[in-house]
Amino acid sequence: MRRCADCGHYEPAGAPGCARCASLVDEIVEQDWRTFLKREFATIRPGDEQLVAAMVVDEPDKHPWRVVDAAYDRLTCQECGGRLSRGPAGCGPCDLADGFRYSAIETDRPGVPPGNEHALRVNVAVTRRTSGVSPSEALLRRLSLPLLLDGHLPTRAQAQATKALARKGATDKELSAFIHNEWGRP
């Protein structure tokens, strides 16, 4: 894990407020999108990417979650004008797309505990769309990203203790220290 030169958090825990960390969170899905395009299409013109994205989100259960999330980024919400699935809570099409994203395929990466990929998926989704969740939930999700990316997964007790600390009003720095000190332990 590295500290972000711009915000000082472990990368990418400064997202969405830190542009560098936010781009690193986006890269989690973008890398798989590029791989998907290369694997499935010999060549693709820039305008065709939106067509492919529309096909992917029409069948999210047939594609890995990272590809689905990246596909949504290429589509514009007709209601709010933002990236589909990332608009404000209460935007009907974005709320619907945000729910459909969870029907995508989720496969744990080699060498990580079962459930790590699900935790990573949820934390990425919340970090990229913080509306609709409490500020403490958004904080916990983004601060957890570096350890999840590193292959850690908290036990139920560790996750509950972290959430309890957040509810008590722990600072960003206190929560980050707790997560990094506690989650690496069995």
N, C-alpha and C. Protein backbone atom coordinates (compact mmCIF):
# COMPACT_ATOMS: atom_id res chain seq x y z
N MET A 1 0.85 -1.18 0.00
CA MET A 1 0.00 0.00 0.00
C MET A 1 0.88 1.24 0.00
N ARG A 2 0.41 2.22 -0.75
CA ARG A 2 1.16 3.48 -0.84
C ARG A 2 0.28 4.63 -0.39
N ARG A 3 0.93 5.65 0.11
CA ARG A 3 0.23 6.88 0.48
C ARG A 3 0.08 7.73 -0.77
N CYS A 4 -1.06 8.34 -0.92
CA CYS A 4 -1.31 9.24 -2.03
C CYS A 4 -0.53 10.53 -1.79
N ALA A 5 0.20 10.97 -2.79
CA ALA A 5 0.98 12.20 -2.69
C ALA A 5 0.08 13.43 -2.60
N ASP A 6 -1.14 13.31 -3.07
CA ASP A 6 -2.05 14.47 -3.07
C ASP A 6 -2.83 14.63 -1.76
N CYS A 7 -3.34 13.51 -1.21
CA CYS A 7 -4.21 13.64 -0.02
C CYS A 7 -3.63 13.02 1.24
N GLY A 8 -2.63 12.15 1.13
CA GLY A 8 -2.01 11.52 2.29
C GLY A 8 -2.65 10.23 2.76
N HIS A 9 -3.83 9.87 2.22
CA HIS A 9 -4.46 8.59 2.56
C HIS A 9 -3.72 7.46 1.85
N TYR A 10 -3.95 6.23 2.34
CA TYR A 10 -3.50 5.09 1.56
C TYR A 10 -4.34 5.07 0.28
N GLU A 11 -3.68 4.88 -0.84
CA GLU A 11 -4.40 4.90 -2.12
C GLU A 11 -5.38 3.74 -2.18
N PRO A 12 -6.59 3.91 -2.61
CA PRO A 12 -7.30 5.08 -3.10
C PRO A 12 -8.32 5.62 -2.08
N ALA A 13 -7.99 5.58 -0.79
CA ALA A 13 -8.95 5.92 0.26
C ALA A 13 -9.36 7.39 0.29
N GLY A 14 -8.69 8.23 -0.44
CA GLY A 14 -9.06 9.65 -0.47
C GLY A 14 -10.21 9.97 -1.41
N ALA A 15 -10.65 8.96 -2.18
CA ALA A 15 -11.76 9.18 -3.12
C ALA A 15 -13.05 9.37 -2.34
N PRO A 16 -14.00 10.06 -2.83
CA PRO A 16 -14.03 10.77 -4.10
C PRO A 16 -13.47 12.19 -4.03
N GLY A 17 -13.12 12.66 -2.84
CA GLY A 17 -12.64 14.04 -2.71
C GLY A 17 -11.29 14.31 -3.35
N CYS A 18 -10.42 13.34 -3.36
CA CYS A 18 -9.10 13.48 -3.97
C CYS A 18 -9.19 12.97 -5.41
N ALA A 19 -8.87 13.84 -6.36
CA ALA A 19 -8.98 13.47 -7.78
C ALA A 19 -8.08 12.29 -8.13
N ARG A 20 -6.88 12.27 -7.56
CA ARG A 20 -5.97 11.16 -7.85
C ARG A 20 -6.55 9.83 -7.35
N CYS A 21 -7.03 9.82 -6.12
CA CYS A 21 -7.62 8.59 -5.56
C CYS A 21 -8.89 8.20 -6.32
N ALA A 22 -9.70 9.17 -6.69
CA ALA A 22 -10.92 8.88 -7.45
C ALA A 22 -10.57 8.23 -8.78
N SER A 23 -9.50 8.70 -9.42
CA SER A 23 -9.11 8.08 -10.70
C SER A 23 -8.60 6.66 -10.49
N LEU A 24 -7.98 6.40 -9.34
CA LEU A 24 -7.53 5.04 -9.03
C LEU A 24 -8.71 4.11 -8.80
N VAL A 25 -9.76 4.60 -8.17
CA VAL A 25 -10.97 3.79 -7.97
C VAL A 25 -11.59 3.50 -9.34
N ASP A 26 -11.67 4.51 -10.19
CA ASP A 26 -12.21 4.29 -11.53
C ASP A 26 -11.37 3.28 -12.30
N GLU A 27 -10.07 3.31 -12.10
CA GLU A 27 -9.18 2.39 -12.81
C GLU A 27 -9.44 0.93 -12.43
N ILE A 28 -9.99 0.68 -11.26
CA ILE A 28 -10.33 -0.68 -10.84
C ILE A 28 -11.27 -1.32 -11.86
N VAL A 29 -12.21 -0.54 -12.37
CA VAL A 29 -13.14 -1.08 -13.37
C VAL A 29 -12.64 -0.86 -14.79
N GLU A 30 -11.94 0.23 -15.03
CA GLU A 30 -11.49 0.55 -16.38
C GLU A 30 -10.51 -0.49 -16.94
N GLN A 31 -9.65 -1.00 -16.10
CA GLN A 31 -8.68 -1.99 -16.55
C GLN A 31 -9.38 -3.22 -17.11
N ASP A 32 -10.42 -3.69 -16.43
CA ASP A 32 -11.15 -4.86 -16.92
C ASP A 32 -11.97 -4.54 -18.17
N TRP A 33 -12.44 -3.30 -18.29
CA TRP A 33 -13.16 -2.89 -19.49
C TRP A 33 -12.24 -2.98 -20.71
N ARG A 34 -11.04 -2.45 -20.57
CA ARG A 34 -10.08 -2.50 -21.69
C ARG A 34 -9.75 -3.94 -22.06
N THR A 35 -9.57 -4.80 -21.07
CA THR A 35 -9.28 -6.21 -21.32
C THR A 35 -10.47 -6.87 -22.02
N PHE A 36 -11.68 -6.57 -21.58
CA PHE A 36 -12.90 -7.11 -22.19
C PHE A 36 -12.98 -6.71 -23.66
N LEU A 37 -12.77 -5.44 -23.95
CA LEU A 37 -12.85 -4.97 -25.34
C LEU A 37 -11.81 -5.67 -26.22
N LYS A 38 -10.59 -5.80 -25.74
CA LYS A 38 -9.53 -6.46 -26.52
C LYS A 38 -9.86 -7.93 -26.76
N ARG A 39 -10.42 -8.59 -25.75
CA ARG A 39 -10.74 -10.01 -25.86
C ARG A 39 -11.93 -10.25 -26.79
N GLU A 40 -12.94 -9.41 -26.72
CA GLU A 40 -14.18 -9.65 -27.45
C GLU A 40 -14.24 -9.02 -28.84
N PHE A 41 -13.45 -8.00 -29.07
CA PHE A 41 -13.53 -7.27 -30.34
C PHE A 41 -12.14 -7.05 -30.91
N ALA A 42 -11.97 -7.40 -32.19
CA ALA A 42 -10.67 -7.21 -32.84
C ALA A 42 -10.32 -5.72 -32.86
N THR A 43 -11.24 -4.93 -33.32
CA THR A 43 -11.07 -3.47 -33.31
C THR A 43 -12.40 -2.85 -32.91
N ILE A 44 -12.31 -1.71 -32.33
CA ILE A 44 -13.53 -1.01 -31.93
C ILE A 44 -13.30 0.48 -32.12
N ARG A 45 -14.25 1.11 -32.78
CA ARG A 45 -14.17 2.56 -32.98
C ARG A 45 -14.68 3.24 -31.72
N PRO A 46 -14.21 4.43 -31.44
CA PRO A 46 -14.63 5.13 -30.22
C PRO A 46 -16.15 5.23 -30.06
N GLY A 47 -16.89 5.53 -31.11
CA GLY A 47 -18.34 5.63 -31.02
C GLY A 47 -19.02 4.31 -30.73
N ASP A 48 -18.36 3.21 -31.07
CA ASP A 48 -18.94 1.88 -30.85
C ASP A 48 -18.90 1.46 -29.38
N GLU A 49 -18.06 2.11 -28.61
CA GLU A 49 -17.93 1.74 -27.21
C GLU A 49 -19.25 1.91 -26.46
N GLN A 50 -20.01 2.95 -26.80
CA GLN A 50 -21.31 3.15 -26.16
C GLN A 50 -22.28 2.05 -26.53
N LEU A 51 -22.22 1.58 -27.77
CA LEU A 51 -23.09 0.48 -28.19
C LEU A 51 -22.76 -0.79 -27.42
N VAL A 52 -21.48 -1.06 -27.28
CA VAL A 52 -21.05 -2.24 -26.51
C VAL A 52 -21.50 -2.09 -25.05
N ALA A 53 -21.34 -0.89 -24.50
CA ALA A 53 -21.75 -0.65 -23.12
C ALA A 53 -23.25 -0.91 -22.94
N ALA A 54 -24.05 -0.45 -23.90
CA ALA A 54 -25.50 -0.67 -23.83
C ALA A 54 -25.82 -2.16 -23.87
N MET A 55 -25.10 -2.91 -24.69
CA MET A 55 -25.32 -4.36 -24.74
C MET A 55 -24.94 -5.02 -23.42
N VAL A 56 -23.85 -4.58 -22.83
CA VAL A 56 -23.41 -5.16 -21.55
C VAL A 56 -24.44 -4.91 -20.46
N VAL A 57 -24.92 -3.68 -20.34
CA VAL A 57 -25.86 -3.39 -19.25
C VAL A 57 -27.24 -3.98 -19.49
N ASP A 58 -27.52 -4.38 -20.73
CA ASP A 58 -28.78 -5.09 -21.00
C ASP A 58 -28.75 -6.50 -20.43
N GLU A 59 -27.56 -7.05 -20.24
CA GLU A 59 -27.40 -8.39 -19.67
C GLU A 59 -26.30 -8.38 -18.61
N PRO A 60 -26.49 -7.65 -17.52
CA PRO A 60 -25.42 -7.55 -16.53
C PRO A 60 -25.05 -8.89 -15.89
N ASP A 61 -26.00 -9.83 -15.85
CA ASP A 61 -25.74 -11.13 -15.24
C ASP A 61 -24.82 -12.01 -16.08
N LYS A 62 -24.45 -11.56 -17.26
CA LYS A 62 -23.57 -12.34 -18.14
C LYS A 62 -22.14 -11.79 -18.17
N HIS A 63 -21.86 -10.76 -17.37
CA HIS A 63 -20.56 -10.10 -17.41
C HIS A 63 -20.02 -9.88 -16.00
N PRO A 64 -18.69 -9.82 -15.88
CA PRO A 64 -18.09 -9.51 -14.58
C PRO A 64 -18.48 -8.11 -14.11
N TRP A 65 -18.57 -7.94 -12.82
CA TRP A 65 -19.05 -6.67 -12.25
C TRP A 65 -18.21 -5.48 -12.68
N ARG A 66 -16.92 -5.66 -12.81
CA ARG A 66 -16.07 -4.52 -13.19
C ARG A 66 -16.39 -4.06 -14.61
N VAL A 67 -16.69 -5.01 -15.50
CA VAL A 67 -17.06 -4.67 -16.88
C VAL A 67 -18.41 -3.96 -16.88
N VAL A 68 -19.34 -4.44 -16.07
CA VAL A 68 -20.67 -3.81 -16.00
C VAL A 68 -20.55 -2.39 -15.45
N ASP A 69 -19.79 -2.21 -14.39
CA ASP A 69 -19.64 -0.87 -13.83
C ASP A 69 -19.01 0.09 -14.84
N ALA A 70 -18.01 -0.39 -15.56
CA ALA A 70 -17.37 0.45 -16.59
C ALA A 70 -18.34 0.75 -17.73
N ALA A 71 -19.17 -0.21 -18.07
CA ALA A 71 -20.16 0.02 -19.13
C ALA A 71 -21.14 1.12 -18.72
N TYR A 72 -21.62 1.08 -17.48
CA TYR A 72 -22.51 2.14 -17.00
C TYR A 72 -21.86 3.52 -17.11
N ASP A 73 -20.55 3.58 -16.88
CA ASP A 73 -19.83 4.86 -16.98
C ASP A 73 -19.89 5.46 -18.38
N ARG A 74 -20.12 4.64 -19.37
CA ARG A 74 -20.14 5.11 -20.75
C ARG A 74 -21.54 5.52 -21.23
N LEU A 75 -22.50 5.37 -20.35
CA LEU A 75 -23.88 5.70 -20.71
C LEU A 75 -24.34 6.91 -19.89
N THR A 76 -25.15 7.73 -20.50
CA THR A 76 -25.64 8.94 -19.86
C THR A 76 -27.07 8.73 -19.35
N CYS A 77 -27.31 9.14 -18.13
CA CYS A 77 -28.65 9.05 -17.56
C CYS A 77 -29.54 10.10 -18.22
N GLN A 78 -30.69 9.66 -18.67
CA GLN A 78 -31.64 10.57 -19.33
C GLN A 78 -32.29 11.54 -18.34
N GLU A 79 -32.28 11.20 -17.06
CA GLU A 79 -32.93 12.06 -16.07
C GLU A 79 -31.98 13.11 -15.49
N CYS A 80 -30.81 12.67 -15.00
CA CYS A 80 -29.92 13.62 -14.32
C CYS A 80 -28.78 14.11 -15.21
N GLY A 81 -28.54 13.43 -16.33
CA GLY A 81 -27.48 13.85 -17.24
C GLY A 81 -26.09 13.38 -16.87
N GLY A 82 -25.97 12.69 -15.75
CA GLY A 82 -24.66 12.18 -15.32
C GLY A 82 -24.40 10.78 -15.87
N ARG A 83 -23.35 10.18 -15.38
CA ARG A 83 -23.07 8.79 -15.75
C ARG A 83 -24.16 7.91 -15.17
N LEU A 84 -24.69 7.03 -15.99
CA LEU A 84 -25.77 6.15 -15.54
C LEU A 84 -25.30 5.31 -14.36
N SER A 85 -26.09 5.29 -13.33
CA SER A 85 -25.86 4.56 -12.06
C SER A 85 -25.09 5.38 -11.04
N ARG A 86 -24.57 6.55 -11.44
CA ARG A 86 -23.77 7.34 -10.50
C ARG A 86 -24.41 8.67 -10.14
N GLY A 87 -25.64 8.87 -10.57
CA GLY A 87 -26.34 10.12 -10.27
C GLY A 87 -26.77 10.17 -8.82
N PRO A 88 -27.40 11.25 -8.44
CA PRO A 88 -27.81 11.40 -7.04
C PRO A 88 -28.89 10.39 -6.64
N ALA A 89 -28.89 10.04 -5.36
CA ALA A 89 -29.96 9.16 -4.86
C ALA A 89 -31.28 9.83 -5.15
N GLY A 90 -32.24 9.04 -5.60
CA GLY A 90 -33.53 9.58 -5.96
C GLY A 90 -33.69 9.76 -7.46
N CYS A 91 -32.59 9.70 -8.20
CA CYS A 91 -32.67 9.72 -9.66
C CYS A 91 -33.11 8.31 -10.08
N GLY A 92 -34.33 8.20 -10.61
CA GLY A 92 -34.90 6.90 -10.92
C GLY A 92 -34.03 5.99 -11.76
N PRO A 93 -33.59 6.44 -12.94
CA PRO A 93 -32.75 5.57 -13.78
C PRO A 93 -31.42 5.19 -13.11
N CYS A 94 -30.82 6.11 -12.39
CA CYS A 94 -29.55 5.80 -11.72
C CYS A 94 -29.76 4.82 -10.57
N ASP A 95 -30.83 5.01 -9.80
CA ASP A 95 -31.13 4.07 -8.72
C ASP A 95 -31.37 2.66 -9.27
N LEU A 96 -32.11 2.58 -10.37
CA LEU A 96 -32.39 1.29 -11.00
C LEU A 96 -31.10 0.63 -11.50
N ALA A 97 -30.28 1.40 -12.20
CA ALA A 97 -29.01 0.88 -12.71
C ALA A 97 -28.09 0.46 -11.56
N ASP A 98 -28.09 1.25 -10.49
CA ASP A 98 -27.26 0.92 -9.33
C ASP A 98 -27.67 -0.43 -8.75
N GLY A 99 -28.95 -0.71 -8.75
CA GLY A 99 -29.43 -2.02 -8.27
C GLY A 99 -29.08 -3.15 -9.22
N PHE A 100 -29.24 -2.91 -10.52
CA PHE A 100 -28.94 -3.95 -11.51
C PHE A 100 -27.46 -4.33 -11.54
N ARG A 101 -26.59 -3.40 -11.16
CA ARG A 101 -25.16 -3.71 -11.19
C ARG A 101 -24.85 -4.94 -10.34
N TYR A 102 -25.65 -5.20 -9.31
CA TYR A 102 -25.36 -6.31 -8.40
C TYR A 102 -25.76 -7.68 -8.95
N SER A 103 -26.35 -7.70 -10.15
CA SER A 103 -26.63 -9.00 -10.76
C SER A 103 -25.45 -9.48 -11.61
N ALA A 104 -24.43 -8.66 -11.73
CA ALA A 104 -23.24 -9.02 -12.51
C ALA A 104 -22.46 -10.14 -11.81
N ILE A 105 -21.60 -10.77 -12.57
CA ILE A 105 -20.80 -11.89 -12.07
C ILE A 105 -19.72 -11.38 -11.13
N GLU A 106 -19.54 -12.11 -10.06
CA GLU A 106 -18.56 -11.74 -9.04
C GLU A 106 -17.70 -12.96 -8.73
N THR A 107 -16.44 -12.89 -9.05
CA THR A 107 -15.52 -14.00 -8.81
C THR A 107 -14.34 -13.50 -7.99
N ASP A 108 -14.08 -14.17 -6.86
CA ASP A 108 -12.94 -13.76 -6.04
C ASP A 108 -11.64 -13.93 -6.82
N ARG A 109 -10.75 -12.98 -6.60
CA ARG A 109 -9.43 -13.05 -7.21
C ARG A 109 -8.63 -14.17 -6.54
N PRO A 110 -7.66 -14.74 -7.26
CA PRO A 110 -6.83 -15.78 -6.65
C PRO A 110 -6.10 -15.24 -5.42
N GLY A 111 -6.05 -16.04 -4.38
CA GLY A 111 -5.28 -15.70 -3.20
C GLY A 111 -5.96 -14.78 -2.20
N VAL A 112 -7.23 -14.47 -2.41
CA VAL A 112 -7.95 -13.64 -1.45
C VAL A 112 -9.02 -14.48 -0.76
N PRO A 113 -9.41 -14.10 0.45
CA PRO A 113 -10.43 -14.88 1.13
C PRO A 113 -11.78 -14.78 0.41
N PRO A 114 -12.57 -15.84 0.48
CA PRO A 114 -13.91 -15.79 -0.12
C PRO A 114 -14.69 -14.59 0.44
N GLY A 115 -15.30 -13.85 -0.45
CA GLY A 115 -16.06 -12.68 -0.04
C GLY A 115 -15.32 -11.37 -0.24
N ASN A 116 -14.01 -11.45 -0.45
CA ASN A 116 -13.23 -10.23 -0.66
C ASN A 116 -13.73 -9.46 -1.88
N GLU A 117 -14.01 -10.16 -2.97
CA GLU A 117 -14.44 -9.49 -4.20
C GLU A 117 -15.79 -8.81 -4.00
N HIS A 118 -16.68 -9.45 -3.25
CA HIS A 118 -17.97 -8.82 -2.98
C HIS A 118 -17.77 -7.54 -2.16
N ALA A 119 -16.95 -7.62 -1.14
CA ALA A 119 -16.68 -6.44 -0.32
C ALA A 119 -16.05 -5.33 -1.18
N LEU A 120 -15.12 -5.71 -2.02
CA LEU A 120 -14.48 -4.73 -2.90
C LEU A 120 -15.52 -4.09 -3.83
N ARG A 121 -16.36 -4.91 -4.39
CA ARG A 121 -17.40 -4.43 -5.32
C ARG A 121 -18.32 -3.42 -4.65
N VAL A 122 -18.80 -3.74 -3.45
CA VAL A 122 -19.70 -2.84 -2.74
C VAL A 122 -18.98 -1.54 -2.37
N ASN A 123 -17.76 -1.66 -1.88
CA ASN A 123 -17.02 -0.47 -1.47
C ASN A 123 -16.69 0.43 -2.66
N VAL A 124 -16.37 -0.17 -3.80
CA VAL A 124 -16.13 0.63 -5.01
C VAL A 124 -17.41 1.34 -5.42
N ALA A 125 -18.52 0.62 -5.43
CA ALA A 125 -19.80 1.22 -5.83
C ALA A 125 -20.18 2.38 -4.91
N VAL A 126 -20.04 2.19 -3.61
CA VAL A 126 -20.39 3.26 -2.66
C VAL A 126 -19.43 4.44 -2.79
N THR A 127 -18.15 4.17 -2.96
CA THR A 127 -17.18 5.25 -3.08
C THR A 127 -17.40 6.07 -4.34
N ARG A 128 -17.86 5.41 -5.40
CA ARG A 128 -18.12 6.11 -6.65
C ARG A 128 -19.48 6.81 -6.66
N ARG A 129 -20.37 6.43 -5.74
CA ARG A 129 -21.70 7.06 -5.65
C ARG A 129 -22.09 7.14 -4.18
N THR A 130 -21.65 8.18 -3.52
CA THR A 130 -21.85 8.30 -2.08
C THR A 130 -23.25 8.77 -1.69
N SER A 131 -24.02 9.27 -2.66
CA SER A 131 -25.38 9.72 -2.30
C SER A 131 -26.22 8.49 -1.94
N GLY A 132 -27.07 8.68 -0.98
CA GLY A 132 -27.93 7.58 -0.56
C GLY A 132 -27.36 6.77 0.59
N VAL A 133 -26.13 7.05 0.99
CA VAL A 133 -25.56 6.39 2.17
C VAL A 133 -25.14 7.47 3.15
N SER A 134 -25.06 7.11 4.40
CA SER A 134 -24.66 8.10 5.41
C SER A 134 -23.19 8.48 5.22
N PRO A 135 -22.82 9.65 5.69
CA PRO A 135 -21.41 10.04 5.58
C PRO A 135 -20.46 9.05 6.26
N SER A 136 -20.89 8.48 7.40
CA SER A 136 -20.00 7.52 8.09
C SER A 136 -19.86 6.24 7.27
N GLU A 137 -20.94 5.81 6.60
CA GLU A 137 -20.87 4.61 5.75
C GLU A 137 -19.93 4.86 4.56
N ALA A 138 -20.08 6.01 3.93
CA ALA A 138 -19.20 6.36 2.81
C ALA A 138 -17.74 6.40 3.27
N LEU A 139 -17.50 6.96 4.44
CA LEU A 139 -16.15 7.03 4.99
C LEU A 139 -15.58 5.64 5.22
N LEU A 140 -16.35 4.76 5.85
CA LEU A 140 -15.88 3.40 6.11
C LEU A 140 -15.57 2.67 4.80
N ARG A 141 -16.43 2.83 3.82
CA ARG A 141 -16.24 2.14 2.54
C ARG A 141 -14.96 2.59 1.85
N ARG A 142 -14.72 3.89 1.83
CA ARG A 142 -13.52 4.36 1.12
C ARG A 142 -12.23 4.04 1.89
N LEU A 143 -12.30 4.12 3.22
CA LEU A 143 -11.10 3.81 4.01
C LEU A 143 -10.74 2.33 3.95
N SER A 144 -11.72 1.48 3.66
CA SER A 144 -11.50 0.03 3.58
C SER A 144 -10.86 -0.39 2.26
N LEU A 145 -11.00 0.43 1.24
CA LEU A 145 -10.53 0.03 -0.10
C LEU A 145 -9.07 -0.42 -0.16
N PRO A 146 -8.12 0.29 0.44
CA PRO A 146 -6.73 -0.17 0.31
C PRO A 146 -6.51 -1.58 0.83
N LEU A 147 -7.11 -1.92 1.96
CA LEU A 147 -6.93 -3.26 2.51
C LEU A 147 -7.65 -4.31 1.69
N LEU A 148 -8.83 -3.99 1.20
CA LEU A 148 -9.55 -4.94 0.34
C LEU A 148 -8.77 -5.20 -0.94
N LEU A 149 -8.24 -4.16 -1.53
CA LEU A 149 -7.43 -4.31 -2.74
C LEU A 149 -6.18 -5.14 -2.46
N ASP A 150 -5.69 -5.04 -1.24
CA ASP A 150 -4.51 -5.79 -0.83
C ASP A 150 -4.84 -7.25 -0.49
N GLY A 151 -6.14 -7.60 -0.53
CA GLY A 151 -6.54 -8.99 -0.31
C GLY A 151 -7.05 -9.30 1.08
N HIS A 152 -7.20 -8.30 1.92
CA HIS A 152 -7.72 -8.53 3.28
C HIS A 152 -9.24 -8.53 3.27
N LEU A 153 -9.81 -9.13 4.27
CA LEU A 153 -11.25 -9.11 4.48
C LEU A 153 -11.48 -9.14 5.98
N PRO A 154 -12.22 -8.17 6.51
CA PRO A 154 -12.42 -8.18 7.96
C PRO A 154 -13.33 -9.32 8.38
N THR A 155 -13.12 -9.78 9.59
CA THR A 155 -14.07 -10.72 10.17
C THR A 155 -15.34 -9.93 10.51
N ARG A 156 -16.40 -10.63 10.81
CA ARG A 156 -17.64 -9.95 11.20
C ARG A 156 -17.39 -9.06 12.42
N ALA A 157 -16.65 -9.58 13.39
CA ALA A 157 -16.37 -8.81 14.61
C ALA A 157 -15.55 -7.55 14.29
N GLN A 158 -14.57 -7.68 13.42
CA GLN A 158 -13.76 -6.51 13.04
C GLN A 158 -14.60 -5.46 12.32
N ALA A 159 -15.46 -5.92 11.42
CA ALA A 159 -16.33 -4.99 10.69
C ALA A 159 -17.30 -4.30 11.65
N GLN A 160 -17.87 -5.04 12.59
CA GLN A 160 -18.80 -4.45 13.55
C GLN A 160 -18.09 -3.46 14.47
N ALA A 161 -16.89 -3.79 14.89
CA ALA A 161 -16.12 -2.88 15.74
C ALA A 161 -15.78 -1.60 14.99
N THR A 162 -15.46 -1.72 13.72
CA THR A 162 -15.15 -0.55 12.90
C THR A 162 -16.38 0.34 12.77
N LYS A 163 -17.51 -0.28 12.51
CA LYS A 163 -18.76 0.48 12.35
C LYS A 163 -19.14 1.16 13.68
N ALA A 164 -18.97 0.47 14.78
CA ALA A 164 -19.28 1.05 16.10
C ALA A 164 -18.39 2.26 16.37
N LEU A 165 -17.13 2.16 16.02
CA LEU A 165 -16.20 3.28 16.20
C LEU A 165 -16.64 4.47 15.35
N ALA A 166 -17.09 4.22 14.15
CA ALA A 166 -17.56 5.30 13.27
C ALA A 166 -18.81 5.96 13.86
N ARG A 167 -19.71 5.15 14.39
CA ARG A 167 -20.95 5.69 14.98
C ARG A 167 -20.66 6.57 16.20
N LYS A 168 -19.56 6.27 16.88
CA LYS A 168 -19.18 7.07 18.05
C LYS A 168 -18.54 8.39 17.64
N GLY A 169 -18.35 8.58 16.35
CA GLY A 169 -17.80 9.86 15.88
C GLY A 169 -16.29 9.88 15.72
N ALA A 170 -15.69 8.72 15.56
CA ALA A 170 -14.24 8.67 15.34
C ALA A 170 -13.86 9.50 14.11
N THR A 171 -12.71 10.09 14.17
CA THR A 171 -12.24 10.89 13.03
C THR A 171 -11.78 9.99 11.90
N ASP A 172 -11.63 10.59 10.77
CA ASP A 172 -11.11 9.92 9.58
C ASP A 172 -9.78 9.23 9.92
N LYS A 173 -8.90 9.96 10.58
CA LYS A 173 -7.58 9.43 10.93
C LYS A 173 -7.67 8.26 11.92
N GLU A 174 -8.56 8.38 12.91
CA GLU A 174 -8.73 7.30 13.90
C GLU A 174 -9.29 6.04 13.24
N LEU A 175 -10.27 6.23 12.37
CA LEU A 175 -10.85 5.07 11.68
C LEU A 175 -9.83 4.40 10.77
N SER A 176 -9.09 5.19 10.05
CA SER A 176 -8.07 4.64 9.15
C SER A 176 -7.04 3.83 9.94
N ALA A 177 -6.58 4.37 11.06
CA ALA A 177 -5.61 3.66 11.89
C ALA A 177 -6.20 2.36 12.43
N PHE A 178 -7.44 2.40 12.89
CA PHE A 178 -8.09 1.20 13.41
C PHE A 178 -8.19 0.13 12.34
N ILE A 179 -8.67 0.52 11.16
CA ILE A 179 -8.83 -0.45 10.05
C ILE A 179 -7.48 -1.08 9.70
N HIS A 180 -6.47 -0.27 9.58
CA HIS A 180 -5.16 -0.78 9.19
C HIS A 180 -4.49 -1.62 10.27
N ASN A 181 -4.78 -1.32 11.52
CA ASN A 181 -4.20 -2.08 12.62
C ASN A 181 -4.97 -3.37 12.90
N GLU A 182 -6.27 -3.35 12.75
CA GLU A 182 -7.10 -4.49 13.15
C GLU A 182 -7.42 -5.48 12.04
N TRP A 183 -7.60 -5.01 10.83
CA TRP A 183 -8.08 -5.89 9.77
C TRP A 183 -7.04 -6.89 9.27
N GLY A 184 -5.81 -6.64 9.50
CA GLY A 184 -4.77 -7.56 9.06
C GLY A 184 -4.60 -8.74 10.01
N ARG A 185 -5.27 -8.68 11.15
CA ARG A 185 -5.16 -9.76 12.13
C ARG A 185 -6.23 -10.81 11.90
N PRO A 186 -5.89 -12.07 12.13
CA PRO A 186 -6.90 -13.14 11.97
C PRO A 186 -7.95 -13.11 13.05
